[in-house]
Structures are given as C-alpha cells and as structure tokens.
Protein backbone atom coordinates (compact mmCIF):
# COMPACT_ATOMS: atom_id res chain seq x y z
CA MET A 1 -10.14 -19.98 -18.56
CA THR A 2 -10.06 -17.68 -16.16
CA ILE A 3 -12.31 -14.42 -15.82
CA ARG A 4 -11.71 -12.05 -13.44
CA VAL A 5 -14.05 -8.99 -12.67
CA GLY A 6 -12.62 -7.78 -9.46
CA ASP A 7 -12.63 -10.00 -6.78
CA SER A 8 -16.08 -11.07 -7.58
CA ALA A 9 -15.27 -15.19 -7.33
CA ASN A 10 -14.51 -14.60 -4.06
CA ALA A 11 -17.34 -12.12 -2.91
CA LYS A 12 -20.09 -12.49 -0.37
CA SER A 13 -23.65 -11.75 -1.93
CA PHE A 14 -24.53 -8.41 -2.12
CA GLN A 15 -26.98 -8.86 0.73
CA LYS A 16 -24.28 -9.66 3.34
CA ALA A 17 -21.69 -7.49 2.08
CA ALA A 18 -24.14 -4.72 2.02
CA LEU A 19 -25.34 -5.10 6.23
CA PRO A 20 -21.79 -3.71 7.50
CA LEU A 21 -21.64 -0.99 5.17
CA LEU A 22 -25.83 0.04 5.50
CA GLU A 23 -24.20 0.46 9.30
CA ASP A 24 -21.64 2.88 8.13
CA ALA A 25 -23.02 6.28 8.89
CA GLN A 26 -19.66 8.19 7.27
CA LEU A 27 -19.66 6.40 4.18
CA ARG A 28 -23.25 6.59 3.34
CA LYS A 29 -22.97 10.55 4.12
CA ASN A 30 -19.93 10.50 1.66
CA VAL A 31 -21.46 8.68 -1.08
CA ARG A 32 -24.60 10.53 -1.09
CA HIS A 33 -23.14 13.94 -0.94
CA ALA A 34 -20.82 12.80 -3.57
CA THR A 35 -23.61 11.70 -5.98
CA ASP A 36 -26.24 14.61 -5.24
CA VAL A 37 -23.78 17.06 -6.50
CA ILE A 38 -23.06 14.78 -9.58
CA GLN A 39 -26.37 14.59 -10.33
CA ARG A 40 -26.98 18.23 -9.65
CA LYS A 41 -24.79 19.32 -12.45
CA ARG A 42 -25.44 16.86 -14.28
CA GLY A 43 -29.36 18.03 -14.45
CA ILE A 44 -28.09 21.43 -15.42
CA VAL A 45 -26.01 20.39 -18.62
CA VAL A 46 -28.46 18.53 -19.67
CA GLY A 47 -31.49 20.61 -19.31
CA GLU A 48 -29.67 23.17 -21.58
CA THR A 49 -29.15 20.69 -24.30
CA PRO A 50 -32.16 20.65 -26.22
CA ASP A 51 -31.75 17.55 -28.61
CA TRP A 52 -30.60 15.41 -25.64
CA GLN A 53 -33.22 12.84 -26.17
CA GLU A 54 -32.10 12.85 -30.04
CA LEU A 55 -28.30 12.39 -29.07
CA ARG A 56 -29.57 9.24 -26.71
CA THR A 57 -31.14 8.13 -29.50
CA ALA A 58 -28.39 8.19 -32.16
CA ALA A 59 -25.46 6.73 -29.71
CA SER A 60 -28.06 3.79 -29.07
CA ALA A 61 -28.37 3.53 -32.87
CA ILE A 62 -24.57 3.42 -33.42
CA LYS A 63 -24.27 1.03 -30.57
CA ALA A 64 -26.90 -1.29 -31.86
CA HIS A 65 -25.36 -1.26 -35.29
CA THR A 66 -21.40 -1.68 -34.36
CA MET A 67 -22.41 -5.10 -31.83
CA GLY A 68 -24.34 -6.41 -34.86
CA LEU A 69 -21.26 -6.04 -37.32
CA LEU A 70 -18.57 -6.65 -34.40
CA ASP A 71 -16.41 -8.55 -36.40
CA HIS A 72 -16.18 -6.33 -39.07
CA TYR A 73 -15.21 -3.27 -37.29
CA LEU A 74 -12.93 -4.91 -34.74
CA MET A 75 -11.31 -6.49 -37.85
CA LEU A 76 -10.87 -2.76 -39.36
CA PHE A 77 -9.40 -1.41 -36.55
CA GLU A 78 -7.03 -3.84 -36.43
CA LYS A 79 -5.79 -3.25 -39.72
CA ALA A 80 -6.23 0.75 -39.48
CA CYS A 81 -4.26 0.63 -36.04
CA THR A 82 -1.63 -1.11 -37.89
CA ALA A 83 -0.92 0.78 -40.81
CA ALA A 84 -0.45 4.00 -38.71
CA GLY A 85 2.43 2.04 -36.67
CA GLY A 86 0.80 0.27 -33.95
CA HIS A 87 0.39 -3.22 -32.77
CA VAL A 88 -2.55 -5.27 -32.30
CA HIS A 89 -2.71 -8.36 -29.88
CA TRP A 90 -6.08 -10.21 -29.38
CA ALA A 91 -7.09 -11.49 -25.58
CA ALA A 92 -9.21 -14.02 -25.15
CA ASP A 93 -9.65 -13.77 -21.45
CA ALA A 94 -7.80 -12.33 -18.18
CA ASP A 95 -4.87 -14.09 -18.19
CA ASP A 96 -4.19 -13.82 -21.54
CA ALA A 97 -4.30 -9.78 -21.25
CA ASN A 98 -2.31 -10.16 -18.22
CA ARG A 99 0.56 -12.16 -19.99
CA ILE A 100 0.48 -10.38 -23.27
CA ILE A 101 0.95 -6.73 -20.78
CA VAL A 102 3.68 -8.22 -18.26
CA GLY A 103 5.43 -9.81 -21.51
CA LEU A 104 5.74 -6.62 -23.76
CA VAL A 105 6.76 -4.44 -20.00
CA LYS A 106 9.65 -7.09 -19.99
CA GLN A 107 10.01 -6.77 -23.39
CA TYR A 108 10.99 -3.25 -23.26
CA GLY A 109 12.89 -3.56 -20.00
CA GLY A 110 10.94 -1.78 -17.66
CA ASN A 111 10.28 -2.58 -13.70
CA GLU A 112 7.49 0.44 -13.74
CA VAL A 113 4.77 1.46 -15.42
CA ILE A 114 2.68 4.49 -15.25
CA LYS A 115 -1.01 4.35 -15.49
CA ILE A 116 -4.46 6.32 -16.96
CA LYS A 117 -7.81 5.21 -14.88
CA THR A 118 -8.68 2.11 -16.50
CA MET A 119 -11.48 -0.06 -15.46
CA THR A 120 -10.83 -2.90 -17.91
CA SER A 121 -7.47 -2.96 -16.06
CA GLU A 122 -9.28 -3.60 -12.65
CA GLU A 123 -10.97 -6.07 -13.93
CA ILE A 124 -8.74 -8.50 -15.29
CA GLY A 125 -6.62 -7.99 -12.15
CA LEU A 126 -3.49 -6.24 -14.02
CA ASN A 127 -2.20 -4.27 -11.41
CA GLU A 128 -1.71 -7.73 -9.35
CA ALA A 129 -0.12 -9.27 -12.25
CA LEU A 130 2.36 -6.90 -12.80
CA GLU A 131 3.60 -6.88 -8.74
CA HIS A 132 3.93 -10.62 -9.10
CA GLU A 133 6.14 -9.93 -11.84
CA GLY A 134 8.50 -7.66 -10.12
CA ILE A 135 6.86 -4.89 -11.91
CA ARG A 136 5.21 -2.02 -9.87
CA ALA A 137 2.14 -0.04 -11.44
CA HIS A 138 1.94 4.04 -10.10
CA GLU A 139 -1.69 5.10 -10.65
CA THR A 140 -1.73 8.82 -11.71
CA ASP A 141 -5.55 9.33 -11.56
CA LEU A 142 -5.77 11.62 -8.43
CA ALA A 143 -8.59 9.55 -7.14
CA GLU A 144 -6.73 5.97 -8.02
CA VAL A 145 -3.83 7.27 -6.05
CA ILE A 146 -6.25 7.49 -3.25
CA ILE A 147 -7.73 3.45 -3.24
CA GLN A 148 -3.86 2.71 -4.37
CA LEU A 149 -1.96 4.59 -1.27
CA GLY A 150 -4.76 3.87 1.13
CA GLY A 151 -4.89 0.32 0.11
CA ASP A 152 -8.62 0.40 -0.91
CA THR A 153 -10.59 -0.58 -3.96
CA SER A 154 -12.96 1.67 -6.01
CA SER A 155 -16.40 2.23 -5.19
CA HIS A 156 -17.55 3.99 -8.21
CA ILE A 157 -16.80 3.91 -12.06
CA VAL A 158 -16.42 7.45 -12.76
CA ALA A 159 -15.10 8.61 -9.28
CA PRO A 160 -13.67 5.89 -7.47
CA ALA A 161 -12.82 7.48 -4.08
CA LEU A 162 -16.19 9.17 -3.82
CA HIS A 163 -16.63 7.08 -0.41
CA LYS A 164 -13.69 9.29 1.20
CA ASN A 165 -13.61 13.27 2.34
CA ARG A 166 -11.28 15.11 2.03
CA SER A 167 -10.18 14.51 5.64
CA GLN A 168 -9.64 10.53 5.42
CA VAL A 169 -8.09 11.89 2.39
CA ARG A 170 -5.87 13.88 4.42
CA GLU A 171 -4.87 11.07 6.43
CA ILE A 172 -3.84 8.76 3.40
CA PHE A 173 -1.52 11.48 2.48
CA ARG A 174 -0.17 12.60 5.63
CA GLU A 175 1.12 8.89 6.40
CA ARG A 176 1.94 7.63 2.72
CA MET A 177 3.89 10.90 1.42
CA ASN A 178 5.46 11.74 5.10
CA LEU A 179 3.58 15.03 5.06
CA PRO A 180 2.66 15.48 8.88
CA ASN A 181 1.33 18.78 9.04
CA LEU A 182 -0.72 18.90 5.34
CA SER A 183 -4.28 20.04 5.96
CA ASP A 184 -7.45 19.03 4.29
CA ASP A 185 -7.56 21.90 2.01
CA PRO A 186 -8.58 20.72 -1.68
CA GLU A 187 -5.93 22.65 -3.03
CA GLU A 188 -3.12 21.60 -0.97
CA LEU A 189 -4.22 18.07 -1.06
CA THR A 190 -3.67 18.52 -4.93
CA ALA A 191 -0.80 20.05 -5.03
CA ALA A 192 1.06 17.14 -2.38
CA ALA A 193 -0.42 14.52 -5.26
CA ARG A 194 1.07 16.39 -8.31
CA HIS A 195 4.26 16.73 -6.31
CA TYR A 196 4.17 12.80 -5.87
CA LEU A 197 3.43 11.97 -9.57
CA ARG A 198 5.92 14.49 -11.03
CA GLN A 199 8.71 12.38 -10.89
CA LYS A 200 6.85 9.17 -12.03
CA PHE A 201 5.61 10.99 -14.84
CA LEU A 202 9.31 12.55 -15.93
CA THR A 203 11.58 9.06 -15.43
CA VAL A 204 8.74 5.83 -15.53
CA LYS A 205 9.34 5.08 -19.82
CA ILE A 206 6.25 2.63 -20.49
CA GLY A 207 2.34 3.77 -19.72
CA VAL A 208 -0.54 1.91 -19.44
CA CYS A 209 -3.92 3.21 -20.69
CA GLY A 210 -7.51 2.24 -21.23
CA ALA A 211 -10.00 3.82 -24.24
CA ASN A 212 -12.77 5.34 -23.83
CA PHE A 213 -13.82 4.73 -27.50
CA LEU A 214 -11.54 2.95 -30.21
CA VAL A 215 -11.88 4.24 -33.95
CA ALA A 216 -12.29 1.63 -36.62
CA ASP A 217 -12.12 3.44 -39.68
CA THR A 218 -8.82 5.27 -38.08
CA GLY A 219 -7.17 2.96 -35.92
CA GLY A 220 -7.64 5.50 -33.29
CA VAL A 221 -8.07 5.51 -29.70
CA SER A 222 -10.07 8.42 -27.41
CA ILE A 223 -9.35 8.90 -24.00
CA VAL A 224 -11.23 11.45 -22.27
CA GLU A 225 -10.11 12.88 -18.57
CA SER A 226 -10.61 15.90 -15.93
CA GLU A 227 -6.77 16.01 -14.72
CA GLY A 228 -4.36 16.24 -17.07
CA ASN A 229 -2.03 12.82 -15.99
CA GLY A 230 -3.91 11.14 -18.99
CA ARG A 231 -1.84 13.84 -21.24
CA MET A 232 1.28 13.24 -19.11
CA CYS A 233 0.80 9.44 -19.55
CA LEU A 234 0.21 9.72 -23.34
CA THR A 235 2.92 11.81 -24.43
CA LEU A 236 5.53 11.32 -22.26
CA PRO A 237 6.45 7.78 -22.11
CA GLU A 238 8.45 6.12 -24.87
CA VAL A 239 5.71 3.33 -24.76
CA LEU A 240 2.11 2.93 -24.26
CA ILE A 241 0.31 0.19 -24.29
CA SER A 242 -3.97 0.82 -24.22
CA ILE A 243 -6.24 -2.04 -22.68
CA ALA A 244 -9.61 -2.16 -23.70
CA GLY A 245 -12.92 -4.41 -24.25
CA ILE A 246 -14.03 -5.04 -27.61
CA GLU A 247 -17.11 -3.02 -27.11
CA LYS A 248 -15.37 -0.02 -27.15
CA ILE A 249 -15.59 0.28 -30.88
CA ILE A 250 -17.07 2.81 -32.83
CA PRO A 251 -17.37 2.67 -36.61
CA ALA A 252 -16.22 6.30 -37.27
CA PHE A 253 -14.34 9.20 -36.59
CA GLN A 254 -17.34 11.41 -37.10
CA ASP A 255 -19.37 9.13 -34.25
CA LEU A 256 -17.42 10.74 -31.69
CA GLU A 257 -19.24 13.92 -32.29
CA VAL A 258 -22.57 11.98 -30.26
CA PHE A 259 -20.45 10.12 -27.91
CA LEU A 260 -18.26 13.34 -26.51
CA GLN A 261 -21.67 15.28 -26.00
CA LEU A 262 -22.99 12.67 -24.08
CA LEU A 263 -20.26 11.13 -21.99
CA PRO A 264 -19.11 14.57 -20.24
CA ARG A 265 -22.60 15.68 -19.03
CA SER A 266 -24.04 12.33 -18.11
CA ALA A 267 -20.50 11.36 -16.02
CA THR A 268 -19.33 14.74 -14.13
CA GLY A 269 -21.63 17.29 -15.48
CA GLU A 270 -19.56 18.88 -17.64
CA ARG A 271 -20.21 20.20 -20.88
CA MET A 272 -17.07 19.02 -22.25
CA ASN A 273 -14.08 17.11 -20.73
CA PRO A 274 -11.09 19.38 -20.06
CA TYR A 275 -9.31 16.77 -21.43
CA ASN A 276 -9.56 14.76 -24.68
CA SER A 277 -6.91 12.83 -26.18
CA LEU A 278 -7.21 10.63 -29.61
CA TRP A 279 -4.03 8.72 -30.28
CA THR A 280 -3.49 6.88 -33.91
CA GLY A 281 -0.39 5.08 -34.18
CA VAL A 282 3.39 6.06 -33.82
CA ARG A 283 4.83 9.47 -35.09
CA ALA A 284 8.41 10.49 -35.25
CA GLY A 285 9.29 13.08 -32.29
CA ASP A 286 6.09 13.16 -31.09
CA GLY A 287 4.86 10.82 -28.43
CA PRO A 288 5.64 7.54 -27.64
CA LYS A 289 7.94 5.47 -30.02
CA HIS A 290 6.20 2.28 -29.53
CA PHE A 291 2.62 1.81 -29.25
CA HIS A 292 0.30 -1.42 -28.70
CA VAL A 293 -3.29 -2.30 -28.09
CA VAL A 294 -4.94 -5.44 -26.64
CA LEU A 295 -8.13 -6.41 -27.55
CA LEU A 296 -9.91 -8.09 -24.60
CA ASP A 297 -12.51 -10.42 -24.78
CA ASN A 298 -13.32 -11.86 -21.31
CA GLY A 299 -16.92 -12.91 -21.63
CA ARG A 300 -17.92 -10.46 -23.92
CA THR A 301 -18.94 -12.43 -26.99
CA GLY A 302 -20.60 -14.84 -24.52
CA VAL A 303 -22.86 -11.42 -23.76
CA LEU A 304 -22.92 -10.66 -27.69
CA ALA A 305 -24.85 -13.98 -28.09
CA ASP A 306 -27.70 -13.28 -25.81
CA PRO A 307 -29.96 -11.12 -27.68
CA GLU A 308 -31.83 -10.21 -23.94
CA ALA A 309 -28.88 -9.22 -22.78
CA ARG A 310 -26.87 -7.89 -26.02
CA GLN A 311 -27.31 -3.68 -24.87
CA THR A 312 -25.34 -4.84 -22.02
CA LEU A 313 -22.16 -3.69 -24.22
CA HIS A 314 -23.59 -0.44 -25.58
CA CYS A 315 -22.19 1.17 -21.95
CA ILE A 316 -20.01 3.84 -22.11
CA ARG A 317 -19.10 3.93 -18.48
CA CYS A 318 -20.34 7.51 -17.32
CA GLY A 319 -21.52 5.81 -14.37
CA ALA A 320 -24.62 8.09 -14.73
CA CYS A 321 -26.66 4.98 -13.31
CA LEU A 322 -25.31 4.79 -10.04
CA ASN A 323 -25.34 8.39 -8.95
CA THR A 324 -29.03 7.86 -9.43
CA CYS A 325 -29.91 4.07 -7.84
CA PRO A 326 -31.36 4.08 -4.57
CA VAL A 327 -29.67 1.46 -3.78
CA TYR A 328 -26.13 1.98 -4.77
CA ARG A 329 -26.75 5.70 -2.82
CA GLN A 330 -27.28 3.57 0.24
CA THR A 331 -24.64 0.94 0.38
CA GLY A 332 -21.73 2.16 -2.01
CA GLY A 333 -19.51 0.21 -4.46
CA HIS A 334 -17.75 -2.12 -2.31
CA ALA A 335 -21.14 -3.87 -1.97
CA TYR A 336 -21.12 -5.21 -5.16
CA GLY A 337 -17.77 -6.92 -4.97
CA SER A 338 -17.16 -6.33 -8.25
CA SER A 339 -14.72 -3.35 -10.02
CA TYR A 340 -18.27 -2.52 -11.81
CA SER A 341 -20.73 -1.05 -8.71
CA GLY A 342 -24.35 -0.32 -9.51
CA PRO A 343 -26.92 -0.88 -11.79
CA ILE A 344 -24.65 -1.44 -14.69
CA GLY A 345 -22.30 -3.50 -12.17
CA ALA A 346 -25.47 -5.66 -11.53
CA ILE A 347 -25.73 -6.50 -15.25
CA VAL A 348 -22.09 -7.03 -16.20
CA THR A 349 -20.71 -8.39 -13.82
CA PRO A 350 -22.36 -11.94 -13.80
CA GLN A 351 -22.68 -12.07 -17.39
CA LEU A 352 -18.85 -11.93 -17.78
CA LEU A 353 -18.50 -14.43 -14.96
CA ASP A 354 -20.73 -16.43 -17.50
CA MET A 355 -23.32 -16.60 -14.29
CA ARG A 356 -20.96 -18.78 -12.07
CA TYR A 357 -20.53 -15.64 -9.73
CA GLY A 358 -22.55 -12.65 -8.95
CA GLN A 359 -26.23 -14.19 -8.75
CA SER A 360 -26.69 -12.45 -6.21
CA LEU A 361 -26.27 -8.93 -7.87
CA PRO A 362 -29.35 -9.12 -10.39
CA TYR A 363 -31.55 -8.73 -7.05
CA ALA A 364 -29.52 -5.69 -6.43
CA SER A 365 -32.60 -3.36 -7.65
CA SER A 366 -35.49 -1.71 -6.74
CA LEU A 367 -36.34 -1.68 -10.47
CA CYS A 368 -37.16 1.50 -10.41
CA GLY A 369 -36.10 2.31 -13.84
CA ALA A 370 -34.14 5.94 -12.79
CA CYS A 371 -31.28 3.75 -14.08
CA TYR A 372 -32.54 3.63 -17.46
CA GLU A 373 -34.22 7.04 -17.48
CA VAL A 374 -30.60 8.68 -17.10
CA CYS A 375 -28.57 6.18 -19.25
CA PRO A 376 -26.85 8.20 -22.03
CA VAL A 377 -27.01 5.47 -24.62
CA LYS A 378 -30.89 3.91 -23.26
CA ILE A 379 -29.79 0.61 -21.81
CA ASN A 380 -32.80 -0.93 -20.11
CA ILE A 381 -31.40 -1.81 -17.40
CA PRO A 382 -34.40 -3.05 -15.23
CA GLU A 383 -35.21 -5.36 -18.23
CA VAL A 384 -31.92 -6.90 -18.05
CA LEU A 385 -31.87 -7.11 -14.62
CA ILE A 386 -35.64 -9.13 -14.98
CA HIS A 387 -33.74 -11.29 -17.77
CA LEU A 388 -30.92 -12.20 -15.57
CA ARG A 389 -33.11 -12.91 -12.61
CA GLY A 390 -34.75 -15.54 -14.98
CA ARG A 391 -31.40 -16.99 -15.92
CA VAL A 392 -30.47 -17.25 -12.13
CA VAL A 393 -33.65 -19.57 -11.25
CA ARG A 394 -33.29 -22.36 -14.48
CA GLU A 395 -29.40 -22.35 -14.17
CA GLN A 396 -30.28 -23.00 -10.42
CA LYS A 397 -27.69 -26.31 -10.12
CA SER A 398 -29.14 -27.83 -6.68
CA ALA A 399 -32.65 -29.73 -7.45
CA LEU A 400 -32.86 -30.07 -4.01
CA ASP A 401 -32.83 -26.39 -3.08
CA LEU A 402 -36.13 -25.78 -1.12
CA GLU A 403 -37.20 -22.31 -2.79
CA VAL A 404 -36.68 -24.04 -6.31
CA LEU A 405 -38.85 -27.17 -5.53
CA ALA A 406 -41.42 -24.38 -4.10
CA MET A 407 -41.97 -22.33 -7.08
CA LYS A 408 -42.47 -25.53 -9.42
CA ALA A 409 -45.03 -26.87 -6.80
CA ALA A 410 -46.86 -23.10 -7.19
CA ALA A 411 -46.19 -23.52 -11.14
CA ALA A 412 -47.91 -26.83 -11.17
CA ILE A 413 -50.94 -25.88 -8.66
CA PHE A 414 -51.87 -22.22 -10.41
CA THR A 415 -51.76 -24.31 -14.05
CA SER A 416 -54.78 -26.09 -12.91
CA ARG A 417 -58.28 -24.96 -11.58
CA ALA A 418 -58.53 -28.51 -9.77
CA ARG A 419 -55.30 -29.14 -8.09
CA PHE A 420 -55.80 -24.58 -7.05
CA GLU A 421 -59.01 -25.10 -5.53
CA ALA A 422 -57.65 -28.26 -3.73
CA ALA A 423 -54.75 -26.17 -2.35
CA GLN A 424 -57.40 -23.65 -1.15
CA ARG A 425 -58.81 -26.46 0.94
CA LEU A 426 -55.75 -28.07 1.85
CA GLY A 427 -54.96 -24.50 3.09
CA ARG A 428 -57.61 -23.82 5.31
CA ILE A 429 -57.51 -26.92 7.31
CA GLY A 430 -53.62 -26.59 7.37
CA GLN A 431 -53.53 -23.12 8.81
CA TRP A 432 -55.21 -23.57 11.58
CA PRO A 433 -52.51 -24.14 14.22
CA LEU A 434 -50.99 -20.21 13.13
CA VAL A 435 -54.36 -18.38 12.69
CA SER A 436 -54.99 -15.68 16.07
CA HIS A 437 -57.74 -13.36 15.26
CA GLY A 438 -57.76 -13.73 11.55
CA TRP A 439 -54.38 -12.83 10.91
CA MET A 440 -50.91 -15.44 10.26
CA ARG A 441 -47.96 -13.49 12.45
CA ASN A 442 -45.28 -16.35 12.27
CA LEU A 443 -45.21 -18.81 9.62
CA PRO A 444 -42.69 -21.40 10.10
CA GLY A 445 -39.31 -22.08 8.19
CA MET A 446 -38.22 -19.84 4.94
CA LEU A 447 -41.85 -19.15 4.95
CA GLY A 448 -41.31 -17.09 8.18
CA ASN A 449 -39.10 -14.01 6.20
CA TRP A 450 -42.61 -13.36 4.95
CA THR A 451 -44.26 -12.70 8.31
CA ARG A 452 -40.79 -11.45 9.83
CA VAL A 453 -41.66 -7.66 8.60
CA ARG A 454 -45.30 -8.14 7.64
CA ASP A 455 -48.42 -9.75 8.61
CA LEU A 456 -50.60 -12.23 6.38
CA ARG A 457 -54.54 -12.57 6.40
CA ALA A 458 -55.74 -16.00 7.30
CA LEU A 459 -57.25 -17.82 4.12
CA PRO A 460 -61.54 -17.01 3.70
CA LYS A 461 -63.53 -19.43 4.73
CA GLN A 462 -65.23 -19.40 1.54
CA THR A 463 -63.74 -18.50 -1.77
CA PHE A 464 -65.46 -16.39 -4.25
CA ARG A 465 -66.07 -19.33 -6.37
CA GLU A 466 -67.78 -21.03 -3.47
CA TRP A 467 -69.43 -18.30 -2.71
CA TRP A 468 -71.20 -18.01 -6.30
CA LYS A 469 -71.98 -21.28 -6.39
CA THR A 470 -73.83 -21.08 -3.00
CA ARG A 471 -75.66 -18.12 -4.69
CA ALA A 472 -76.31 -19.56 -8.00
CA LYS A 473 -78.34 -22.41 -6.31
CA THR A 474 -80.27 -19.80 -4.32
CA ASN A 475 -80.91 -17.62 -6.85
CA PRO A 476 -80.41 -19.22 -9.86
CA PRO A 477 -79.96 -16.30 -13.16
CA ALA A 478 -81.46 -18.60 -15.78
CA SER A 479 -83.72 -14.96 -17.20
CA TYR A 480 -79.77 -13.42 -17.46
CA SER A 481 -78.24 -13.65 -20.77
CA THR A 482 -74.52 -12.98 -19.07
CA PRO A 483 -72.79 -13.63 -16.07
CA LEU A 484 -72.35 -9.81 -15.68
CA ARG A 485 -76.14 -9.65 -15.83
CA ALA A 486 -76.27 -12.09 -13.17
CA ALA A 487 -74.15 -10.26 -11.03
CA ARG A 488 -75.44 -7.01 -11.00
CA LYS A 489 -79.09 -8.47 -10.41
CA LEU A 490 -77.28 -9.95 -7.21
CA ALA A 491 -75.97 -6.97 -6.16
CA GLN A 492 -79.39 -5.44 -6.12
CA ASP A 493 -80.95 -8.27 -4.38
CA ASP A 494 -78.61 -6.89 -1.45
CA ASP A 495 -78.57 -3.39 -1.78
CA PRO A 496 -82.10 -2.21 -2.86
CA ASN A 497 -80.73 1.17 -3.84
CA ALA A 498 -77.61 -0.14 -6.03
C-alpha cells in the first residue's frame, strides 16, 4: 500500500528543513503579516459571538459521536447519495483514489479538469497522477493558481500562497500569463486571474472538488469558499468528481448549523463564507449530469483505532492553529514537508503515514497550547503531540541508537535508590576533567548539545541525603517524633532567629 501526504516520504526532518526558511526574512515577514491579519479578524468575529464556547463544545461532541459510529454514517451516506443519482467509490489508499479518478476522467473522454481547492487531492498527489496520464489539471482558487503557475507548493491550509506578497505574485503572473505591464495592484492582479480562468470555466467539462462536509442523512456534499470559483466548478462542468476523506462525514443536515458558524470565523475571520454550496446527486437541467464521490481512507482507520489520537480526525481544516502557532509563524509551511502544515500537520502527517515518515514533526512544537485554545472543535493538539512523541520513542527501530540507550540507562538508574546514589558517586569522580570553577561548559559527544547553549553546574561534593546522614549523627533527632520537626530543630540550630 502506498500512502502519500505531499512529499513527506522524501522530506528532510523538520529541523533541517526549517533552517534555510528561518534565514528568509521576506518569507517570515509575509507569513507573520498574513497570520496577524487573519488573527485580528478572527478575534473580532469570535468576540461578538456570545455562545462561541458552546458552539465549540457542540462541534466536538458531534465529531466524537460520528467517529464512534463512522461505519454506520458512511454507509448511510452512500445509500442516500446513490438514491439521489450519485455514485460512491471507496478508495483504500492514494493509489486507489488516483486510479479511480483517472479512470473516471478517461471514461468521460476528458483530457483536462478544473479543480476547486482541495487538501485531499494534494494529500494523494492527484495533479501528478493526472499529468502522468496526460490529463491537465487547472487550479481555479486564486492562491492555488499562484502556487501552480509559480511551480511552488502550498504553505497554509486555507491560504496556500500566504508566503507570497503581491509583488512576487505580479512577477509570476507577468511571466506565466504574458502580461509585461501588469502592476501589483490587487484588483488588477485579480482581474488578470479571472481573465485567465474564464475560458477554463466555460470549456472544460470535468470538475474535481473536495468536501468540507459530507452529510450522511441526505447524501449531500457541502463546500464553502470565498471567491466564487467553487460555484463555477460545481455548476458548469458536465461531470463532477468529489474526493473526500472519510472523516468529513457529519450525521445530519442540521449539524451544518454548528459548523458553518465555526468554520468561517476560525478560517478567515468572516461571519459566514461568501459562497456556501450544497450538492446532492444530479437533477436534469441543473448542474452536472454525472456526480461521483470518492471516499478516501489512506490511513484514517489507523488513526481511528488509536483512542488517544482519534481526535485528530475531528479537524475541519480551518487553519486557525497555524495562525497562532509560534513555530509555524517563524518557519511557514514548507518546513513540514507535507500538504498538511502547522500544528495539525504535525499530528496528521505522521499518523497518515503510519509513523513511517514525519517522526520529527511531533517535535515541531513548543507545546504552548495556543493551538488548542483556538481550535473550533477542541482538538487537544499538545496532548496528541506528546502521545506521538512517545510512539516515536517506543517504535525506534535502532536498538543501537545512543539516545535510546541513554534513556534506558537513565530509567534503570532512577528506579533504584542504590543505583541512583552509586551513579552520583561515580559522576562526582568522572566529572573532574570537565569542571572549571564549579561549572561544566563543554561536555563531550552528544552531551555537548546541552552545553553548547547553556552552562551546567558541577555535581556538589555532598548530596542532601549524605548531608542529612552527617547531621543526624552529630545531632540525633531522637526527641522529635517526625522528620519535619527534626528538620525544624536543625534549622533553629543553624539560625537562632529562625
């Protein structure tokens, strides 16, 4: 089975990938500015919502309930979607999903598709799979157009071109759209993109979309967006193919009431999305003639089987955790080596890859908890990060790994008082070549990573337990009934004013 999440399988560790990005002052400025703007807008619209916490609690409860009965609701969705004229396909992994979608495009005689922004298609590498079969995929979301024309990759879940400023966008459009006189005025840039896309909307007969929510009781697909390109892709093509992770399911149409209040406020700082589209099956004379939904597993049932990490599947892809994360705000999204970046990417990517890749991502966090505070569905991301760090350590394959051996040795020492005291005595003997004026500033080997940025006090000549034994011999506390009273008497002996 092949599982793809962007280029994670070939990605560097987060620590190595982040280093050159930290030196890119323009990128860091762009990311900070964009996330600051979104956070300010979010603060305003959340602040004016008196039942915000109740909405978060309701969404969390709906998601927890759904994950507990996921198989039931998926079957209910398939039944309702099929009854409405749709076709449901089940994809076990990325290769399976790509094979199904490529096959559908060929079945309907297409050699190009227009796409609404979808993280799931990036997860499985759909564009590359289509290109390999001679099928051209045209992104229609403005940010995705920038990414595609610039030969770049997404750096944010909601605003994938957030790391580019308008001057950089102008240069991409000038070169790829052959517009040498284009300025960096936002309206002119938008008009250029609309002109570029208009012909695609009117001529391409197959559309590909994702799904923000799959409604089990109606078999409908809900898509929210801000530009109108999604509405064009949903209504103009003759064939519509939707690719969605199985966790996108919600039980009933009325549940949208909760999520459509939380998502826009968390994602873009808007009270509601400008375009909210609901699509259920097919209807003569209205929209596509053929409608297909591809339900993707790709590692999700493995996440579902882990009780401590299952809440990862509650994510509604709002990106709020990225905007508030101090680590993401310094590095941007490319350091994560995945289509899913930021705190949510740090827990999604390793799990979808069955912990085979992305083991460095759970450590790409300060565990400050800011992501948990803003998550609209109350995913305790720091809790999951700690859980995954534990899995990384436990599943460490190399028995000769020095860090693993050191931790095992430390565990053996700390679980025995005798071994701990023996280690202290040996440490005092062994430290003497490294001590200078009571400090150790240059430890050898791996330990040097600690003293490279901080100093370490030398072990004292006498431990507290040794000092206590010495005092007990010279001042026996026989007349005192408890160690606390004995300690107080010793303190009084040292200081008559105590």
